[in-house]
Amino acid sequence: MLVRLQNNGHSIIGIRIRTSDARRHFPTNVKAVDLELDHLRIRCDLKDSFWLNRPQISDPRLRLWLETKALWNNLSRVLQMRKDGDSYRLEFTNRPIRVQSKPALIASQGSDED
């Protein structure tokens, strides 16, 4: 699944997962997840808000890894998060996240002002 960097306007604070992906890939009884960041493996607690349409994961170690990778490698804000055994592996990717746009309004064909 694709995830995005979460920031507070000034710095990276974690990752944001699409709500539909959170519901699909994370059982509701899970209180923490293990993340693999290159050679590092960390356990991050999931806040109650994760299940209330705010699927975010933040942790000081995750934030440091994300900031270091993004700063030194000039990488995109898109990451691939994939299940790897009993943990999730995070990797930066150049694949864009598909943005759903609002449908364009179509002007009526006829006009009342003939």
N, C-alpha and C. Protein backbone atom coordinates (compact mmCIF):
# COMPACT_ATOMS: atom_id res chain seq x y z
N MET A 1 0.85 -1.17 0.00
CA MET A 1 0.00 0.00 0.00
C MET A 1 0.89 1.24 0.00
N LEU A 2 0.36 2.30 -0.57
CA LEU A 2 1.09 3.56 -0.59
C LEU A 2 0.67 4.40 0.61
N VAL A 3 1.65 5.03 1.25
CA VAL A 3 1.40 5.91 2.38
C VAL A 3 2.12 7.23 2.13
N ARG A 4 1.76 8.26 2.87
CA ARG A 4 2.38 9.58 2.68
C ARG A 4 3.04 10.04 3.96
N LEU A 5 4.00 10.93 3.79
CA LEU A 5 4.61 11.57 4.95
C LEU A 5 3.57 12.46 5.61
N GLN A 6 3.56 12.46 6.91
CA GLN A 6 2.66 13.33 7.69
C GLN A 6 3.54 14.42 8.29
N ASN A 7 3.14 15.68 8.11
CA ASN A 7 3.94 16.75 8.70
C ASN A 7 3.03 17.74 9.42
N ASN A 8 3.66 18.57 10.24
CA ASN A 8 2.90 19.57 10.99
C ASN A 8 3.11 20.97 10.41
N GLY A 9 3.58 21.04 9.18
CA GLY A 9 3.83 22.32 8.53
C GLY A 9 5.29 22.70 8.55
N HIS A 10 6.03 22.21 9.55
CA HIS A 10 7.45 22.56 9.66
C HIS A 10 8.36 21.34 9.59
N SER A 11 7.88 20.21 10.07
CA SER A 11 8.71 19.01 10.08
C SER A 11 7.85 17.76 9.93
N ILE A 12 8.51 16.70 9.55
CA ILE A 12 7.86 15.41 9.37
C ILE A 12 7.57 14.84 10.76
N ILE A 13 6.36 14.32 10.95
CA ILE A 13 6.02 13.75 12.26
C ILE A 13 5.66 12.27 12.18
N GLY A 14 5.51 11.73 10.97
CA GLY A 14 5.17 10.32 10.85
C GLY A 14 4.63 10.01 9.47
N ILE A 15 3.77 8.98 9.40
CA ILE A 15 3.17 8.60 8.13
C ILE A 15 1.66 8.59 8.26
N ARG A 16 1.01 8.81 7.14
CA ARG A 16 -0.45 8.83 7.06
C ARG A 16 -0.86 7.72 6.10
N ILE A 17 -1.80 6.90 6.54
CA ILE A 17 -2.29 5.78 5.76
C ILE A 17 -3.71 6.10 5.32
N ARG A 18 -4.08 5.73 4.12
CA ARG A 18 -5.47 5.93 3.70
C ARG A 18 -6.39 5.13 4.61
N THR A 19 -7.52 5.70 4.93
CA THR A 19 -8.48 5.04 5.84
C THR A 19 -8.88 3.67 5.33
N SER A 20 -9.14 3.56 4.05
CA SER A 20 -9.54 2.26 3.48
C SER A 20 -8.42 1.24 3.62
N ASP A 21 -7.16 1.65 3.45
CA ASP A 21 -6.03 0.73 3.62
C ASP A 21 -5.86 0.33 5.08
N ALA A 22 -6.08 1.27 5.98
CA ALA A 22 -5.97 0.94 7.41
C ALA A 22 -7.00 -0.12 7.79
N ARG A 23 -8.20 0.04 7.31
CA ARG A 23 -9.26 -0.94 7.62
C ARG A 23 -8.98 -2.29 6.98
N ARG A 24 -8.39 -2.27 5.80
CA ARG A 24 -8.13 -3.50 5.06
C ARG A 24 -6.92 -4.26 5.61
N HIS A 25 -5.86 -3.54 6.01
CA HIS A 25 -4.60 -4.19 6.34
C HIS A 25 -4.26 -4.29 7.82
N PHE A 26 -5.03 -3.63 8.68
CA PHE A 26 -4.72 -3.65 10.11
C PHE A 26 -5.92 -4.16 10.89
N PRO A 27 -5.78 -5.30 11.56
CA PRO A 27 -6.89 -5.79 12.39
C PRO A 27 -7.21 -4.81 13.51
N THR A 28 -8.47 -4.66 13.86
CA THR A 28 -8.87 -3.65 14.85
C THR A 28 -8.36 -3.96 16.25
N ASN A 29 -7.94 -5.18 16.52
CA ASN A 29 -7.43 -5.50 17.86
C ASN A 29 -5.94 -5.21 18.01
N VAL A 30 -5.29 -4.74 16.95
CA VAL A 30 -3.86 -4.46 16.98
C VAL A 30 -3.62 -3.14 17.72
N LYS A 31 -2.71 -3.16 18.68
CA LYS A 31 -2.38 -1.96 19.47
C LYS A 31 -1.04 -1.35 19.06
N ALA A 32 -0.23 -2.14 18.33
CA ALA A 32 1.09 -1.66 17.89
C ALA A 32 1.48 -2.40 16.62
N VAL A 33 2.37 -1.79 15.84
CA VAL A 33 2.89 -2.43 14.62
C VAL A 33 4.40 -2.36 14.64
N ASP A 34 5.01 -3.37 14.03
CA ASP A 34 6.45 -3.39 13.86
C ASP A 34 6.76 -2.87 12.47
N LEU A 35 7.67 -1.91 12.40
CA LEU A 35 8.09 -1.33 11.13
C LEU A 35 9.55 -1.66 10.88
N GLU A 36 9.86 -2.04 9.65
CA GLU A 36 11.24 -2.26 9.24
C GLU A 36 11.68 -1.06 8.42
N LEU A 37 12.70 -0.38 8.90
CA LEU A 37 13.24 0.82 8.27
C LEU A 37 14.69 0.52 7.92
N ASP A 38 14.93 0.11 6.69
CA ASP A 38 16.25 -0.37 6.28
C ASP A 38 16.62 -1.54 7.17
N HIS A 39 17.68 -1.43 7.95
CA HIS A 39 18.12 -2.52 8.82
C HIS A 39 17.54 -2.41 10.24
N LEU A 40 16.77 -1.37 10.50
CA LEU A 40 16.21 -1.11 11.82
C LEU A 40 14.78 -1.62 11.90
N ARG A 41 14.44 -2.23 13.03
CA ARG A 41 13.06 -2.67 13.26
C ARG A 41 12.57 -2.01 14.55
N ILE A 42 11.43 -1.30 14.45
CA ILE A 42 10.89 -0.61 15.61
C ILE A 42 9.42 -0.99 15.80
N ARG A 43 8.95 -0.89 17.02
CA ARG A 43 7.53 -1.11 17.32
C ARG A 43 6.91 0.24 17.64
N CYS A 44 5.80 0.53 16.95
CA CYS A 44 5.09 1.79 17.14
C CYS A 44 3.68 1.52 17.64
N ASP A 45 3.30 2.21 18.70
CA ASP A 45 1.95 2.10 19.23
C ASP A 45 0.98 2.80 18.29
N LEU A 46 -0.22 2.24 18.18
CA LEU A 46 -1.28 2.87 17.41
C LEU A 46 -2.22 3.58 18.37
N LYS A 47 -2.43 4.85 18.14
CA LYS A 47 -3.33 5.63 18.99
C LYS A 47 -4.77 5.24 18.68
N ASP A 48 -5.67 5.51 19.61
CA ASP A 48 -7.09 5.23 19.38
C ASP A 48 -7.60 5.96 18.15
N SER A 49 -7.04 7.13 17.86
CA SER A 49 -7.49 7.90 16.69
C SER A 49 -7.18 7.18 15.38
N PHE A 50 -6.26 6.20 15.41
CA PHE A 50 -5.94 5.42 14.21
C PHE A 50 -7.20 4.75 13.68
N TRP A 51 -8.07 4.35 14.58
CA TRP A 51 -9.30 3.64 14.19
C TRP A 51 -10.47 4.59 13.98
N LEU A 52 -10.28 5.86 14.22
CA LEU A 52 -11.34 6.85 14.08
C LEU A 52 -11.07 7.78 12.90
N ASN A 53 -10.77 7.20 11.75
CA ASN A 53 -10.51 7.94 10.51
C ASN A 53 -9.29 8.85 10.56
N ARG A 54 -8.32 8.56 11.43
CA ARG A 54 -7.05 9.30 11.47
C ARG A 54 -5.90 8.30 11.52
N PRO A 55 -5.77 7.47 10.49
CA PRO A 55 -4.73 6.43 10.52
C PRO A 55 -3.33 6.99 10.29
N GLN A 56 -2.72 7.38 11.38
CA GLN A 56 -1.37 7.93 11.35
C GLN A 56 -0.49 7.12 12.30
N ILE A 57 0.76 7.01 11.95
CA ILE A 57 1.74 6.36 12.82
C ILE A 57 2.86 7.36 13.04
N SER A 58 3.11 7.68 14.30
CA SER A 58 4.23 8.55 14.63
C SER A 58 5.03 7.95 15.77
N ASP A 59 6.30 8.21 15.70
CA ASP A 59 7.25 7.72 16.68
C ASP A 59 8.53 8.52 16.46
N PRO A 60 9.23 8.88 17.52
CA PRO A 60 10.46 9.67 17.34
C PRO A 60 11.49 8.99 16.43
N ARG A 61 11.61 7.67 16.53
CA ARG A 61 12.59 6.94 15.69
C ARG A 61 12.15 6.94 14.23
N LEU A 62 10.85 6.77 14.00
CA LEU A 62 10.30 6.81 12.65
C LEU A 62 10.50 8.20 12.05
N ARG A 63 10.20 9.23 12.83
CA ARG A 63 10.35 10.61 12.36
C ARG A 63 11.80 10.90 11.98
N LEU A 64 12.74 10.49 12.79
CA LEU A 64 14.15 10.72 12.49
C LEU A 64 14.56 10.00 11.20
N TRP A 65 14.13 8.77 11.04
CA TRP A 65 14.45 8.00 9.84
C TRP A 65 13.85 8.69 8.61
N LEU A 66 12.59 9.10 8.69
CA LEU A 66 11.92 9.76 7.57
C LEU A 66 12.61 11.07 7.21
N GLU A 67 12.93 11.88 8.21
CA GLU A 67 13.59 13.16 7.96
C GLU A 67 14.95 12.95 7.32
N THR A 68 15.71 11.99 7.82
CA THR A 68 17.05 11.73 7.29
C THR A 68 16.97 11.26 5.84
N LYS A 69 16.09 10.32 5.57
CA LYS A 69 15.94 9.80 4.22
C LYS A 69 15.47 10.89 3.25
N ALA A 70 14.45 11.63 3.64
CA ALA A 70 13.89 12.67 2.76
C ALA A 70 14.89 13.79 2.52
N LEU A 71 15.63 14.18 3.55
CA LEU A 71 16.58 15.29 3.43
C LEU A 71 17.78 14.91 2.57
N TRP A 72 18.42 13.80 2.88
CA TRP A 72 19.66 13.46 2.21
C TRP A 72 19.46 12.85 0.83
N ASN A 73 18.32 12.25 0.60
CA ASN A 73 18.11 11.59 -0.69
C ASN A 73 17.16 12.34 -1.59
N ASN A 74 16.63 13.47 -1.12
CA ASN A 74 15.70 14.27 -1.90
C ASN A 74 14.61 13.39 -2.51
N LEU A 75 14.05 12.54 -1.67
CA LEU A 75 13.06 11.58 -2.12
C LEU A 75 11.66 12.16 -2.07
N SER A 76 10.76 11.48 -2.73
CA SER A 76 9.37 11.92 -2.76
C SER A 76 8.72 11.75 -1.39
N ARG A 77 7.51 12.23 -1.27
CA ARG A 77 6.76 12.10 -0.03
C ARG A 77 5.90 10.84 -0.03
N VAL A 78 6.12 9.96 -1.00
CA VAL A 78 5.34 8.75 -1.13
C VAL A 78 6.20 7.56 -0.70
N LEU A 79 5.62 6.70 0.12
CA LEU A 79 6.32 5.51 0.58
C LEU A 79 5.47 4.28 0.27
N GLN A 80 6.17 3.19 0.05
CA GLN A 80 5.52 1.90 -0.10
C GLN A 80 5.59 1.23 1.26
N MET A 81 4.46 0.74 1.75
CA MET A 81 4.41 0.02 3.02
C MET A 81 3.86 -1.36 2.71
N ARG A 82 4.69 -2.37 2.91
CA ARG A 82 4.21 -3.71 2.59
C ARG A 82 4.45 -4.67 3.73
N LYS A 83 3.53 -5.58 3.86
CA LYS A 83 3.59 -6.60 4.91
C LYS A 83 4.78 -7.50 4.61
N ASP A 84 5.61 -7.74 5.62
CA ASP A 84 6.78 -8.59 5.48
C ASP A 84 6.83 -9.49 6.71
N GLY A 85 6.16 -10.62 6.65
CA GLY A 85 6.06 -11.49 7.82
C GLY A 85 5.13 -10.88 8.84
N ASP A 86 5.64 -10.64 10.04
CA ASP A 86 4.82 -10.05 11.09
C ASP A 86 5.08 -8.54 11.26
N SER A 87 5.74 -7.94 10.27
CA SER A 87 6.02 -6.50 10.33
C SER A 87 5.69 -5.87 8.97
N TYR A 88 5.89 -4.56 8.92
CA TYR A 88 5.67 -3.80 7.68
C TYR A 88 6.97 -3.12 7.30
N ARG A 89 7.35 -3.26 6.04
CA ARG A 89 8.57 -2.63 5.54
C ARG A 89 8.21 -1.32 4.86
N LEU A 90 8.93 -0.26 5.22
CA LEU A 90 8.72 1.06 4.62
C LEU A 90 9.87 1.36 3.66
N GLU A 91 9.52 1.80 2.45
CA GLU A 91 10.51 2.18 1.46
C GLU A 91 9.99 3.37 0.67
N PHE A 92 10.84 4.30 0.37
CA PHE A 92 10.45 5.43 -0.47
C PHE A 92 10.28 4.95 -1.91
N THR A 93 9.36 5.57 -2.63
CA THR A 93 9.10 5.22 -4.01
C THR A 93 8.85 6.49 -4.81
N ASN A 94 8.98 6.39 -6.09
CA ASN A 94 8.69 7.53 -6.96
C ASN A 94 7.29 7.45 -7.54
N ARG A 95 6.55 6.41 -7.18
CA ARG A 95 5.19 6.27 -7.68
C ARG A 95 4.30 7.33 -7.06
N PRO A 96 3.55 8.05 -7.88
CA PRO A 96 2.66 9.08 -7.33
C PRO A 96 1.42 8.46 -6.71
N ILE A 97 0.88 9.12 -5.70
CA ILE A 97 -0.39 8.71 -5.12
C ILE A 97 -1.49 9.24 -6.02
N ARG A 98 -2.42 8.39 -6.33
CA ARG A 98 -3.54 8.79 -7.18
C ARG A 98 -4.46 9.72 -6.39
N VAL A 99 -4.67 10.89 -6.92
CA VAL A 99 -5.53 11.88 -6.26
C VAL A 99 -6.87 11.86 -6.95
N GLN A 100 -7.92 11.68 -6.17
CA GLN A 100 -9.25 11.70 -6.75
C GLN A 100 -9.72 13.14 -6.81
N SER A 101 -10.03 13.57 -8.02
CA SER A 101 -10.48 14.94 -8.17
C SER A 101 -12.00 14.96 -8.25
N LYS A 102 -12.56 16.12 -7.96
CA LYS A 102 -14.00 16.29 -8.06
C LYS A 102 -14.37 16.30 -9.54
N PRO A 103 -15.51 15.71 -9.89
CA PRO A 103 -15.91 15.74 -11.30
C PRO A 103 -16.15 17.16 -11.78
N ALA A 104 -15.77 17.42 -13.00
CA ALA A 104 -15.94 18.74 -13.58
C ALA A 104 -17.41 18.99 -13.86
N LEU A 105 -17.85 20.20 -13.68
CA LEU A 105 -19.22 20.56 -14.01
C LEU A 105 -19.32 20.72 -15.51
N ILE A 106 -20.35 20.16 -16.07
CA ILE A 106 -20.54 20.24 -17.50
C ILE A 106 -21.62 21.29 -17.77
N ALA A 107 -21.27 22.28 -18.59
CA ALA A 107 -22.22 23.33 -18.93
C ALA A 107 -23.33 22.73 -19.77
N SER A 108 -24.53 23.24 -19.61
CA SER A 108 -25.66 22.72 -20.39
C SER A 108 -25.46 23.06 -21.86
N GLN A 109 -25.95 22.17 -22.70
CA GLN A 109 -25.77 22.34 -24.14
C GLN A 109 -26.63 23.48 -24.69
N GLY A 110 -27.86 23.59 -24.21
CA GLY A 110 -28.75 24.61 -24.73
C GLY A 110 -28.67 25.88 -23.90
N SER A 111 -29.17 26.97 -24.45
CA SER A 111 -29.17 28.22 -23.75
C SER A 111 -30.56 28.83 -23.85
N ASP A 112 -30.98 29.41 -22.75
CA ASP A 112 -32.29 30.05 -22.73
C ASP A 112 -32.25 31.43 -23.37
N GLU A 113 -31.07 31.92 -23.69
CA GLU A 113 -30.92 33.28 -24.20
C GLU A 113 -30.72 33.29 -25.71
N ASP A 114 -31.64 32.74 -26.48
CA ASP A 114 -31.49 32.69 -27.94
C ASP A 114 -31.91 33.93 -28.59
